[in-house]
Structures are given as structure tokens and as C-alpha cells.
Amino acid sequence: MRASGVIAREVAILGEGVAGLTVVVTVELDRETKDVYDALRDSMCADDHVLQCYFTAGQLDIVLIVAVSSPEDYKAWAERTLLGNPSVRRFESFFAWSTAKSTTKRPSSCG
């Protein structure tokens, strides 16, 4: 299954509190063009703080799951990555204070 690409990679999931803070970030773009999406995708994929990046339909354009070591670390990341990007109209940050469920397992009904 690894050789065929069905299994893309294997990961270790650290226990709660071991890996710092998790922040859910919603992003609204100023402009929606292919170039803007491509540049943001490339930037988010290259950023070690970004664990997950979803381009969404509706009011919000992007949802990010970001890992940081502290609120100060998040502030520096957000200033550098989001406030410094002219394509970002606004963003909201939600600090996770506990984890009720976190899994990468998909239900069998999804394929």
C-alpha cells in the first residue's frame, strides 16, 4: 500500500500539551484569483507551523490549523505570515484550550 501511494505517510501524534499550542485560524482574502490561491497554498505548505490548510467555499476562504510554542510565537507568526500578506483582508484566531477528539482516521463510508 505504501508503494502504490494508498498510504502517503505515517506520523506520530504527540500527547496534549507536549507540542505547545494549537490555533485554528480562519482567513478571508481581499482578492480571489488563481495567483493569490497558488501563492498562499505554496506559502502554507512550506510553513512548518501550518499543520493543516483547507481552502473552503462560503464566507471564509481558508481554515488553518497552526502549531506554536506560545502566544508570543503565534503573534510573531501571524504578523509575518498574515498581516504581512496584502491578499489577506482579515483573519480570526481561536486558541484550543483542550482537545476533545483528534484523529486522522476516516470512516469506512468515505472510501
PDB file of N, CA and C in Angstrom:
ATOM      1  N   MET A   1       0.825  -1.193   0.000  1.00  0.00           N
ATOM      2  CA  MET A   1       0.000   0.000   0.000  1.00  0.00           C
ATOM      3  C   MET A   1       0.871   1.260   0.000  1.00  0.00           C
ATOM      4  N   ARG A   2       2.017   1.204   0.675  1.00  0.00           N
ATOM      5  CA  ARG A   2       2.925   2.360   0.630  1.00  0.00           C
ATOM      6  C   ARG A   2       3.440   2.573  -0.786  1.00  0.00           C
ATOM      7  N   ALA A   3       3.850   1.495  -1.426  1.00  0.00           N
ATOM      8  CA  ALA A   3       4.414   1.589  -2.777  1.00  0.00           C
ATOM      9  C   ALA A   3       3.399   2.120  -3.781  1.00  0.00           C
ATOM     10  N   SER A   4       2.128   1.792  -3.605  1.00  0.00           N
ATOM     11  CA  SER A   4       1.099   2.241  -4.550  1.00  0.00           C
ATOM     12  C   SER A   4       0.601   3.651  -4.252  1.00  0.00           C
ATOM     13  N   GLY A   5       0.973   4.210  -3.097  1.00  0.00           N
ATOM     14  CA  GLY A   5       0.544   5.564  -2.753  1.00  0.00           C
ATOM     15  C   GLY A   5      -0.720   5.634  -1.933  1.00  0.00           C
ATOM     16  N   VAL A   6      -1.331   4.480  -1.628  1.00  0.00           N
ATOM     17  CA  VAL A   6      -2.537   4.483  -0.787  1.00  0.00           C
ATOM     18  C   VAL A   6      -2.189   5.024   0.596  1.00  0.00           C
ATOM     19  N   ILE A   7      -1.056   4.585   1.146  1.00  0.00           N
ATOM     20  CA  ILE A   7      -0.553   5.151   2.398  1.00  0.00           C
ATOM     21  C   ILE A   7       0.473   6.205   2.007  1.00  0.00           C
ATOM     22  N   ALA A   8       0.144   7.465   2.261  1.00  0.00           N
ATOM     23  CA  ALA A   8       1.022   8.572   1.866  1.00  0.00           C
ATOM     24  C   ALA A   8       2.169   8.746   2.847  1.00  0.00           C
ATOM     25  N   ARG A   9       1.880   8.622   4.143  1.00  0.00           N
ATOM     26  CA  ARG A   9       2.922   8.765   5.163  1.00  0.00           C
ATOM     27  C   ARG A   9       2.367   8.273   6.494  1.00  0.00           C
ATOM     28  N   GLU A  10       3.262   7.986   7.415  1.00  0.00           N
ATOM     29  CA  GLU A  10       2.891   7.596   8.770  1.00  0.00           C
ATOM     30  C   GLU A  10       3.433   8.658   9.710  1.00  0.00           C
ATOM     31  N   VAL A  11       2.661   8.983  10.750  1.00  0.00           N
ATOM     32  CA  VAL A  11       3.057  10.037  11.674  1.00  0.00           C
ATOM     33  C   VAL A  11       2.863   9.583  13.115  1.00  0.00           C
ATOM     34  N   ALA A  12       3.533  10.268  14.022  1.00  0.00           N
ATOM     35  CA  ALA A  12       3.303  10.088  15.454  1.00  0.00           C
ATOM     36  C   ALA A  12       2.517  11.296  15.933  1.00  0.00           C
ATOM     37  N   ILE A  13       1.479  11.069  16.712  1.00  0.00           N
ATOM     38  CA  ILE A  13       0.675  12.157  17.259  1.00  0.00           C
ATOM     39  C   ILE A  13       1.064  12.328  18.715  1.00  0.00           C
ATOM     40  N   LEU A  14       1.573  13.510  19.049  1.00  0.00           N
ATOM     41  CA  LEU A  14       2.039  13.791  20.401  1.00  0.00           C
ATOM     42  C   LEU A  14       0.866  14.020  21.342  1.00  0.00           C
ATOM     43  N   GLY A  15       1.077  13.738  22.607  1.00  0.00           N
ATOM     44  CA  GLY A  15       0.047  13.939  23.618  1.00  0.00           C
ATOM     45  C   GLY A  15      -0.263  15.412  23.821  1.00  0.00           C
ATOM     46  N   GLU A  16      -1.455  15.670  24.336  1.00  0.00           N
ATOM     47  CA  GLU A  16      -1.897  17.046  24.569  1.00  0.00           C
ATOM     48  C   GLU A  16      -0.930  17.773  25.495  1.00  0.00           C
ATOM     49  N   GLY A  17      -0.599  18.994  25.139  1.00  0.00           N
ATOM     50  CA  GLY A  17       0.279  19.810  25.953  1.00  0.00           C
ATOM     51  C   GLY A  17       1.753  19.638  25.647  1.00  0.00           C
ATOM     52  N   VAL A  18       2.121  18.562  24.978  1.00  0.00           N
ATOM     53  CA  VAL A  18       3.523  18.305  24.660  1.00  0.00           C
ATOM     54  C   VAL A  18       4.001  19.222  23.544  1.00  0.00           C
ATOM     55  N   ALA A  19       3.144  19.471  22.594  1.00  0.00           N
ATOM     56  CA  ALA A  19       3.550  20.183  21.383  1.00  0.00           C
ATOM     57  C   ALA A  19       3.202  21.662  21.387  1.00  0.00           C
ATOM     58  N   GLY A  20       2.995  22.264  22.527  1.00  0.00           N
ATOM     59  CA  GLY A  20       2.677  23.690  22.555  1.00  0.00           C
ATOM     60  C   GLY A  20       1.201  23.943  22.337  1.00  0.00           C
ATOM     61  N   LEU A  21       0.895  25.031  21.640  1.00  0.00           N
ATOM     62  CA  LEU A  21      -0.481  25.462  21.428  1.00  0.00           C
ATOM     63  C   LEU A  21      -0.957  25.149  20.019  1.00  0.00           C
ATOM     64  N   THR A  22      -2.234  24.847  19.913  1.00  0.00           N
ATOM     65  CA  THR A  22      -2.873  24.679  18.615  1.00  0.00           C
ATOM     66  C   THR A  22      -3.816  25.854  18.404  1.00  0.00           C
ATOM     67  N   VAL A  23      -3.719  26.475  17.237  1.00  0.00           N
ATOM     68  CA  VAL A  23      -4.558  27.620  16.913  1.00  0.00           C
ATOM     69  C   VAL A  23      -5.309  27.328  15.622  1.00  0.00           C
ATOM     70  N   VAL A  24      -6.622  27.515  15.660  1.00  0.00           N
ATOM     71  CA  VAL A  24      -7.438  27.422  14.457  1.00  0.00           C
ATOM     72  C   VAL A  24      -7.562  28.842  13.921  1.00  0.00           C
ATOM     73  N   VAL A  25      -7.179  29.034  12.672  1.00  0.00           N
ATOM     74  CA  VAL A  25      -7.158  30.370  12.087  1.00  0.00           C
ATOM     75  C   VAL A  25      -8.055  30.381  10.851  1.00  0.00           C
ATOM     76  N   THR A  26      -9.002  31.313  10.814  1.00  0.00           N
ATOM     77  CA  THR A  26      -9.831  31.486   9.623  1.00  0.00           C
ATOM     78  C   THR A  26      -9.349  32.732   8.887  1.00  0.00           C
ATOM     79  N   VAL A  27      -9.313  32.630   7.571  1.00  0.00           N
ATOM     80  CA  VAL A  27      -8.753  33.707   6.754  1.00  0.00           C
ATOM     81  C   VAL A  27      -9.758  34.109   5.677  1.00  0.00           C
ATOM     82  N   GLU A  28      -9.941  35.407   5.532  1.00  0.00           N
ATOM     83  CA  GLU A  28     -10.755  35.965   4.456  1.00  0.00           C
ATOM     84  C   GLU A  28      -9.808  36.754   3.548  1.00  0.00           C
ATOM     85  N   LEU A  29      -9.866  36.456   2.269  1.00  0.00           N
ATOM     86  CA  LEU A  29      -8.974  37.100   1.310  1.00  0.00           C
ATOM     87  C   LEU A  29      -9.561  38.392   0.767  1.00  0.00           C
ATOM     88  N   ASP A  30      -8.691  39.290   0.377  1.00  0.00           N
ATOM     89  CA  ASP A  30      -9.101  40.542  -0.246  1.00  0.00           C
ATOM     90  C   ASP A  30      -9.454  40.310  -1.711  1.00  0.00           C
ATOM     91  N   ARG A  31      -8.658  39.467  -2.363  1.00  0.00           N
ATOM     92  CA  ARG A  31      -8.879  39.133  -3.771  1.00  0.00           C
ATOM     93  C   ARG A  31      -8.856  37.616  -3.914  1.00  0.00           C
ATOM     94  N   GLU A  32      -9.715  37.109  -4.774  1.00  0.00           N
ATOM     95  CA  GLU A  32      -9.742  35.674  -5.017  1.00  0.00           C
ATOM     96  C   GLU A  32      -9.368  35.427  -6.471  1.00  0.00           C
ATOM     97  N   THR A  33      -8.082  35.181  -6.680  1.00  0.00           N
ATOM     98  CA  THR A  33      -7.599  34.849  -8.012  1.00  0.00           C
ATOM     99  C   THR A  33      -6.760  33.585  -7.913  1.00  0.00           C
ATOM    100  N   LYS A  34      -6.535  32.955  -9.034  1.00  0.00           N
ATOM    101  CA  LYS A  34      -5.715  31.746  -9.050  1.00  0.00           C
ATOM    102  C   LYS A  34      -4.316  32.040  -8.535  1.00  0.00           C
ATOM    103  N   ASP A  35      -3.745  33.168  -8.924  1.00  0.00           N
ATOM    104  CA  ASP A  35      -2.398  33.523  -8.473  1.00  0.00           C
ATOM    105  C   ASP A  35      -2.340  33.689  -6.954  1.00  0.00           C
ATOM    106  N   VAL A  36      -3.352  34.327  -6.385  1.00  0.00           N
ATOM    107  CA  VAL A  36      -3.398  34.521  -4.932  1.00  0.00           C
ATOM    108  C   VAL A  36      -3.510  33.173  -4.234  1.00  0.00           C
ATOM    109  N   TYR A  37      -4.417  32.316  -4.708  1.00  0.00           N
ATOM    110  CA  TYR A  37      -4.584  30.991  -4.110  1.00  0.00           C
ATOM    111  C   TYR A  37      -3.309  30.174  -4.226  1.00  0.00           C
ATOM    112  N   ASP A  38      -2.678  30.197  -5.403  1.00  0.00           N
ATOM    113  CA  ASP A  38      -1.455  29.426  -5.604  1.00  0.00           C
ATOM    114  C   ASP A  38      -0.346  29.898  -4.672  1.00  0.00           C
ATOM    115  N   ALA A  39      -0.180  31.206  -4.553  1.00  0.00           N
ATOM    116  CA  ALA A  39       0.867  31.755  -3.686  1.00  0.00           C
ATOM    117  C   ALA A  39       0.618  31.403  -2.220  1.00  0.00           C
ATOM    118  N   LEU A  40      -0.641  31.506  -1.778  1.00  0.00           N
ATOM    119  CA  LEU A  40      -0.963  31.159  -0.388  1.00  0.00           C
ATOM    120  C   LEU A  40      -0.791  29.672  -0.136  1.00  0.00           C
ATOM    121  N   ARG A  41      -1.228  28.847  -1.066  1.00  0.00           N
ATOM    122  CA  ARG A  41      -1.057  27.399  -0.915  1.00  0.00           C
ATOM    123  C   ARG A  41       0.420  27.056  -0.770  1.00  0.00           C
ATOM    124  N   ASP A  42       1.238  27.607  -1.656  1.00  0.00           N
ATOM    125  CA  ASP A  42       2.668  27.323  -1.606  1.00  0.00           C
ATOM    126  C   ASP A  42       3.279  27.801  -0.290  1.00  0.00           C
ATOM    127  N   SER A  43       2.873  28.984   0.155  1.00  0.00           N
ATOM    128  CA  SER A  43       3.383  29.542   1.405  1.00  0.00           C
ATOM    129  C   SER A  43       2.985  28.684   2.603  1.00  0.00           C
ATOM    130  N   MET A  44       1.723  28.265   2.663  1.00  0.00           N
ATOM    131  CA  MET A  44       1.243  27.466   3.783  1.00  0.00           C
ATOM    132  C   MET A  44       1.868  26.070   3.777  1.00  0.00           C
ATOM    133  N   CYS A  45       2.043  25.491   2.605  1.00  0.00           N
ATOM    134  CA  CYS A  45       2.652  24.158   2.512  1.00  0.00           C
ATOM    135  C   CYS A  45       4.112  24.175   2.951  1.00  0.00           C
ATOM    136  N   ALA A  46       4.787  25.283   2.749  1.00  0.00           N
ATOM    137  CA  ALA A  46       6.199  25.399   3.115  1.00  0.00           C
ATOM    138  C   ALA A  46       6.404  25.802   4.572  1.00  0.00           C
ATOM    139  N   ASP A  47       5.351  26.192   5.261  1.00  0.00           N
ATOM    140  CA  ASP A  47       5.448  26.711   6.625  1.00  0.00           C
ATOM    141  C   ASP A  47       5.311  25.582   7.640  1.00  0.00           C
ATOM    142  N   ASP A  48       6.347  25.350   8.438  1.00  0.00           N
ATOM    143  CA  ASP A  48       6.328  24.273   9.428  1.00  0.00           C
ATOM    144  C   ASP A  48       5.282  24.469  10.523  1.00  0.00           C
ATOM    145  N   HIS A  49       4.860  25.695  10.779  1.00  0.00           N
ATOM    146  CA  HIS A  49       3.838  25.948  11.802  1.00  0.00           C
ATOM    147  C   HIS A  49       2.447  25.509  11.343  1.00  0.00           C
ATOM    148  N   VAL A  50       2.224  25.469  10.038  1.00  0.00           N
ATOM    149  CA  VAL A  50       0.911  25.121   9.499  1.00  0.00           C
ATOM    150  C   VAL A  50       0.796  23.603   9.405  1.00  0.00           C
ATOM    151  N   LEU A  51      -0.076  23.031  10.245  1.00  0.00           N
ATOM    152  CA  LEU A  51      -0.295  21.589  10.244  1.00  0.00           C
ATOM    153  C   LEU A  51      -1.306  21.171   9.190  1.00  0.00           C
ATOM    154  N   GLN A  52      -2.330  22.001   9.009  1.00  0.00           N
ATOM    155  CA  GLN A  52      -3.378  21.712   8.036  1.00  0.00           C
ATOM    156  C   GLN A  52      -3.813  23.016   7.389  1.00  0.00           C
ATOM    157  N   CYS A  53      -4.167  22.933   6.102  1.00  0.00           N
ATOM    158  CA  CYS A  53      -4.620  24.114   5.360  1.00  0.00           C
ATOM    159  C   CYS A  53      -5.770  23.688   4.464  1.00  0.00           C
ATOM    160  N   TYR A  54      -6.916  24.298   4.660  1.00  0.00           N
ATOM    161  CA  TYR A  54      -8.112  23.979   3.890  1.00  0.00           C
ATOM    162  C   TYR A  54      -8.603  25.223   3.168  1.00  0.00           C
ATOM    163  N   PHE A  55      -8.783  25.134   1.854  1.00  0.00           N
ATOM    164  CA  PHE A  55      -9.440  26.187   1.089  1.00  0.00           C
ATOM    165  C   PHE A  55     -10.914  25.838   1.103  1.00  0.00           C
ATOM    166  N   THR A  56     -11.762  26.784   1.507  1.00  0.00           N
ATOM    167  CA  THR A  56     -13.168  26.477   1.742  1.00  0.00           C
ATOM    168  C   THR A  56     -14.085  27.342   0.881  1.00  0.00           C
ATOM    169  N   ALA A  57     -15.296  26.846   0.699  1.00  0.00           N
ATOM    170  CA  ALA A  57     -16.326  27.605  -0.008  1.00  0.00           C
ATOM    171  C   ALA A  57     -17.171  28.333   1.034  1.00  0.00           C
ATOM    172  N   GLY A  58     -17.668  29.493   0.673  1.00  0.00           N
ATOM    173  CA  GLY A  58     -18.511  30.243   1.599  1.00  0.00           C
ATOM    174  C   GLY A  58     -17.853  31.522   2.048  1.00  0.00           C
ATOM    175  N   GLN A  59     -18.219  31.987   3.230  1.00  0.00           N
ATOM    176  CA  GLN A  59     -17.759  33.273   3.741  1.00  0.00           C
ATOM    177  C   GLN A  59     -16.253  33.296   3.991  1.00  0.00           C
ATOM    178  N   LEU A  60     -15.696  32.203   4.460  1.00  0.00           N
ATOM    179  CA  LEU A  60     -14.266  32.120   4.738  1.00  0.00           C
ATOM    180  C   LEU A  60     -13.558  31.467   3.563  1.00  0.00           C
ATOM    181  N   ASP A  61     -12.331  31.894   3.314  1.00  0.00           N
ATOM    182  CA  ASP A  61     -11.580  31.352   2.190  1.00  0.00           C
ATOM    183  C   ASP A  61     -10.621  30.249   2.597  1.00  0.00           C
ATOM    184  N   ILE A  62     -10.039  30.372   3.793  1.00  0.00           N
ATOM    185  CA  ILE A  62      -9.035  29.411   4.236  1.00  0.00           C
ATOM    186  C   ILE A  62      -9.232  29.133   5.721  1.00  0.00           C
ATOM    187  N   VAL A  63      -9.052  27.876   6.104  1.00  0.00           N
ATOM    188  CA  VAL A  63      -9.006  27.492   7.508  1.00  0.00           C
ATOM    189  C   VAL A  63      -7.662  26.806   7.728  1.00  0.00           C
ATOM    190  N   LEU A  64      -6.931  27.282   8.730  1.00  0.00           N
ATOM    191  CA  LEU A  64      -5.615  26.746   9.047  1.00  0.00           C
ATOM    192  C   LEU A  64      -5.611  26.148  10.446  1.00  0.00           C
ATOM    193  N   ILE A  65      -4.847  25.090  10.623  1.00  0.00           N
ATOM    194  CA  ILE A  65      -4.526  24.577  11.946  1.00  0.00           C
ATOM    195  C   ILE A  65      -3.035  24.847  12.119  1.00  0.00           C
ATOM    196  N   VAL A  66      -2.713  25.662  13.127  1.00  0.00           N
ATOM    197  CA  VAL A  66      -1.348  26.157  13.309  1.00  0.00           C
ATOM    198  C   VAL A  66      -0.825  25.707  14.665  1.00  0.00           C
ATOM    199  N   ALA A  67       0.422  25.248  14.706  1.00  0.00           N
ATOM    200  CA  ALA A  67       1.073  24.851  15.954  1.00  0.00           C
ATOM    201  C   ALA A  67       2.142  25.877  16.309  1.00  0.00           C
ATOM    202  N   VAL A  68       2.093  26.356  17.538  1.00  0.00           N
ATOM    203  CA  VAL A  68       3.070  27.334  18.019  1.00  0.00           C
ATOM    204  C   VAL A  68       3.479  26.966  19.444  1.00  0.00           C
ATOM    205  N   SER A  69       4.578  27.545  19.906  1.00  0.00           N
ATOM    206  CA  SER A  69       5.056  27.230  21.243  1.00  0.00           C
ATOM    207  C   SER A  69       4.434  28.112  22.318  1.00  0.00           C
ATOM    208  N   SER A  70       3.937  29.308  21.926  1.00  0.00           N
ATOM    209  CA  SER A  70       3.404  30.245  22.912  1.00  0.00           C
ATOM    210  C   SER A  70       2.548  31.293  22.205  1.00  0.00           C
ATOM    211  N   PRO A  71       1.770  32.062  22.959  1.00  0.00           N
ATOM    212  CA  PRO A  71       1.027  33.165  22.335  1.00  0.00           C
ATOM    213  C   PRO A  71       1.958  34.162  21.636  1.00  0.00           C
ATOM    214  N   GLU A  72       3.120  34.395  22.204  1.00  0.00           N
ATOM    215  CA  GLU A  72       4.075  35.308  21.584  1.00  0.00           C
ATOM    216  C   GLU A  72       4.591  34.745  20.255  1.00  0.00           C
ATOM    217  N   ASP A  73       4.805  33.440  20.222  1.00  0.00           N
ATOM    218  CA  ASP A  73       5.235  32.777  18.989  1.00  0.00           C
ATOM    219  C   ASP A  73       4.138  32.912  17.924  1.00  0.00           C
ATOM    220  N   TYR A  74       2.879  32.758  18.340  1.00  0.00           N
ATOM    221  CA  TYR A  74       1.777  32.920  17.390  1.00  0.00           C
ATOM    222  C   TYR A  74       1.707  34.354  16.873  1.00  0.00           C
ATOM    223  N   LYS A  75       1.860  35.324  17.754  1.00  0.00           N
ATOM    224  CA  LYS A  75       1.818  36.728  17.353  1.00  0.00           C
ATOM    225  C   LYS A  75       2.876  36.999  16.289  1.00  0.00           C
ATOM    226  N   ALA A  76       4.084  36.523  16.515  1.00  0.00           N
ATOM    227  CA  ALA A  76       5.169  36.732  15.543  1.00  0.00           C
ATOM    228  C   ALA A  76       4.841  36.037  14.218  1.00  0.00           C
ATOM    229  N   TRP A  77       4.304  34.821  14.294  1.00  0.00           N
ATOM    230  CA  TRP A  77       3.940  34.090  13.072  1.00  0.00           C
ATOM    231  C   TRP A  77       2.840  34.826  12.315  1.00  0.00           C
ATOM    232  N   ALA A  78       1.798  35.248  13.027  1.00  0.00           N
ATOM    233  CA  ALA A  78       0.666  35.919  12.375  1.00  0.00           C
ATOM    234  C   ALA A  78       1.094  37.244  11.751  1.00  0.00           C
ATOM    235  N   GLU A  79       1.934  37.991  12.436  1.00  0.00           N
ATOM    236  CA  GLU A  79       2.416  39.252  11.867  1.00  0.00           C
ATOM    237  C   GLU A  79       3.210  38.999  10.587  1.00  0.00           C
ATOM    238  N   ARG A  80       4.072  38.017  10.631  1.00  0.00           N
ATOM    239  CA  ARG A  80       4.924  37.698   9.487  1.00  0.00           C
ATOM    240  C   ARG A  80       4.118  37.101   8.325  1.00  0.00           C
ATOM    241  N   THR A  81       3.225  36.191   8.645  1.00  0.00           N
ATOM    242  CA  THR A  81       2.562  35.391   7.624  1.00  0.00           C
ATOM    243  C   THR A  81       1.253  35.986   7.118  1.00  0.00           C
ATOM    244  N   LEU A  82       0.450  36.536   8.004  1.00  0.00           N
ATOM    245  CA  LEU A  82      -0.876  37.010   7.616  1.00  0.00           C
ATOM    246  C   LEU A  82      -0.948  38.531   7.515  1.00  0.00           C
ATOM    247  N   LEU A  83      -0.515  39.234   8.548  1.00  0.00           N
ATOM    248  CA  LEU A  83      -0.560  40.698   8.488  1.00  0.00           C
ATOM    249  C   LEU A  83       0.355  41.234   7.397  1.00  0.00           C
ATOM    250  N   GLY A  84       1.416  40.513   7.116  1.00  0.00           N
ATOM    251  CA  GLY A  84       2.350  40.945   6.082  1.00  0.00           C
ATOM    252  C   GLY A  84       1.933  40.576   4.673  1.00  0.00           C
ATOM    253  N   ASN A  85       0.778  39.931   4.534  1.00  0.00           N
ATOM    254  CA  ASN A  85       0.315  39.495   3.214  1.00  0.00           C
ATOM    255  C   ASN A  85      -0.799  40.430   2.717  1.00  0.00           C
ATOM    256  N   PRO A  86      -0.563  41.165   1.625  1.00  0.00           N
ATOM    257  CA  PRO A  86      -1.567  42.119   1.142  1.00  0.00           C
ATOM    258  C   PRO A  86      -2.853  41.458   0.628  1.00  0.00           C
ATOM    259  N   SER A  87      -2.836  40.157   0.382  1.00  0.00           N
ATOM    260  CA  SER A  87      -4.034  39.461  -0.093  1.00  0.00           C
ATOM    261  C   SER A  87      -4.990  39.086   1.031  1.00  0.00           C
ATOM    262  N   VAL A  88      -4.528  39.160   2.277  1.00  0.00           N
ATOM    263  CA  VAL A  88      -5.354  38.789   3.429  1.00  0.00           C
ATOM    264  C   VAL A  88      -6.144  40.006   3.889  1.00  0.00           C
ATOM    265  N   ARG A  89      -7.477  39.919   3.801  1.00  0.00           N
ATOM    266  CA  ARG A  89      -8.356  41.006   4.260  1.00  0.00           C
ATOM    267  C   ARG A  89      -8.452  41.008   5.773  1.00  0.00           C
ATOM    268  N   ARG A  90      -8.716  39.815   6.328  1.00  0.00           N
ATOM    269  CA  ARG A  90      -8.824  39.691   7.775  1.00  0.00           C
ATOM    270  C   ARG A  90      -8.658  38.237   8.169  1.00  0.00           C
ATOM    271  N   PHE A  91      -8.360  38.024   9.433  1.00  0.00           N
ATOM    272  CA  PHE A  91      -8.267  36.664   9.952  1.00  0.00           C
ATOM    273  C   PHE A  91      -8.690  36.659  11.408  1.00  0.00           C
ATOM    274  N   GLU A  92      -9.145  35.499  11.861  1.00  0.00           N
ATOM    275  CA  GLU A  92      -9.517  35.303  13.256  1.00  0.00           C
ATOM    276  C   GLU A  92      -8.749  34.112  13.793  1.00  0.00           C
ATOM    277  N   SER A  93      -8.396  34.190  15.063  1.00  0.00           N
ATOM    278  CA  SER A  93      -7.597  33.150  15.698  1.00  0.00           C
ATOM    279  C   SER A  93      -8.359  32.567  16.880  1.00  0.00           C
ATOM    280  N   PHE A  94      -8.370  31.247  16.958  1.00  0.00           N
ATOM    281  CA  PHE A  94      -9.053  30.544  18.034  1.00  0.00           C
ATOM    282  C   PHE A  94      -8.055  29.596  18.687  1.00  0.00           C
ATOM    283  N   PHE A  95      -7.647  29.904  19.913  1.00  0.00           N
ATOM    284  CA  PHE A  95      -6.698  29.058  20.635  1.00  0.00           C
ATOM    285  C   PHE A  95      -7.449  27.874  21.239  1.00  0.00           C
ATOM    286  N   ALA A  96      -6.985  26.673  20.945  1.00  0.00           N
ATOM    287  CA  ALA A  96      -7.603  25.471  21.511  1.00  0.00           C
ATOM    288  C   ALA A  96      -7.097  25.297  22.940  1.00  0.00           C
ATOM    289  N   TRP A  97      -7.990  25.263  23.913  1.00  0.00           N
ATOM    290  CA  TRP A  97      -7.580  25.102  25.296  1.00  0.00           C
ATOM    291  C   TRP A  97      -7.635  23.652  25.753  1.00  0.00           C
ATOM    292  N   SER A  98      -8.304  22.800  24.973  1.00  0.00           N
ATOM    293  CA  SER A  98      -8.240  21.359  25.220  1.00  0.00           C
ATOM    294  C   SER A  98      -8.663  20.643  23.942  1.00  0.00           C
ATOM    295  N   THR A  99      -8.342  19.378  23.893  1.00  0.00           N
ATOM    296  CA  THR A  99      -8.682  18.568  22.724  1.00  0.00           C
ATOM    297  C   THR A  99      -9.658  17.485  23.148  1.00  0.00           C
ATOM    298  N   ALA A 100     -10.866  17.534  22.616  1.00  0.00           N
ATOM    299  CA  ALA A 100     -11.860  16.508  22.917  1.00  0.00           C
ATOM    300  C   ALA A 100     -11.682  15.302  21.999  1.00  0.00           C
ATOM    301  N   LYS A 101     -11.284  15.572  20.742  1.00  0.00           N
ATOM    302  CA  LYS A 101     -11.057  14.486  19.790  1.00  0.00           C
ATOM    303  C   LYS A 101     -10.117  14.980  18.707  1.00  0.00           C
ATOM    304  N   SER A 102      -9.175  14.140  18.363  1.00  0.00           N
ATOM    305  CA  SER A 102      -8.268  14.429  17.260  1.00  0.00           C
ATOM    306  C   SER A 102      -7.898  13.109  16.623  1.00  0.00           C
ATOM    307  N   THR A 103      -8.247  12.959  15.367  1.00  0.00           N
ATOM    308  CA  THR A 103      -7.959  11.710  14.676  1.00  0.00           C
ATOM    309  C   THR A 103      -7.642  11.989  13.215  1.00  0.00           C
ATOM    310  N   THR A 104      -6.961  11.083  12.604  1.00  0.00           N
ATOM    311  CA  THR A 104      -6.730  11.153  11.166  1.00  0.00           C
ATOM    312  C   THR A 104      -7.449  10.005  10.462  1.00  0.00           C
ATOM    313  N   LYS A 105      -8.121   9.158  11.245  1.00  0.00           N
ATOM    314  CA  LYS A 105      -8.836   8.007  10.685  1.00  0.00           C
ATOM    315  C   LYS A 105     -10.148   8.459  10.060  1.00  0.00           C
ATOM    316  N   ARG A 106     -10.347   8.087   8.814  1.00  0.00           N
ATOM    317  CA  ARG A 106     -11.592   8.399   8.123  1.00  0.00           C
ATOM    318  C   ARG A 106     -12.573   7.233   8.273  1.00  0.00           C
ATOM    319  N   PRO A 107     -13.873   7.534   8.323  1.00  0.00           N
ATOM    320  CA  PRO A 107     -14.853   6.452   8.384  1.00  0.00           C
ATOM    321  C   PRO A 107     -14.810   5.613   7.112  1.00  0.00           C
ATOM    322  N   SER A 108     -15.109   4.354   7.229  1.00  0.00           N
ATOM    323  CA  SER A 108     -15.051   3.473   6.074  1.00  0.00           C
ATOM    324  C   SER A 108     -16.011   3.896   4.978  1.00  0.00           C
ATOM    325  N   SER A 109     -17.066   4.638   5.317  1.00  0.00           N
ATOM    326  CA  SER A 109     -18.028   5.087   4.317  1.00  0.00           C
ATOM    327  C   SER A 109     -17.463   6.172   3.412  1.00  0.00           C
ATOM    328  N   CYS A 110     -16.277   6.725   3.739  1.00  0.00           N
ATOM    329  CA  CYS A 110     -15.660   7.772   2.915  1.00  0.00           C
ATOM    330  C   CYS A 110     -14.767   7.201   1.825  1.00  0.00           C
ATOM    331  N   GLY A 111     -14.748   5.925   1.656  1.00  0.00           N
ATOM    332  CA  GLY A 111     -13.943   5.376   0.583  1.00  0.00           C
ATOM    333  C   GLY A 111     -13.130   4.254   1.028  1.00  0.00           C
TER     334      GLY A 111
END
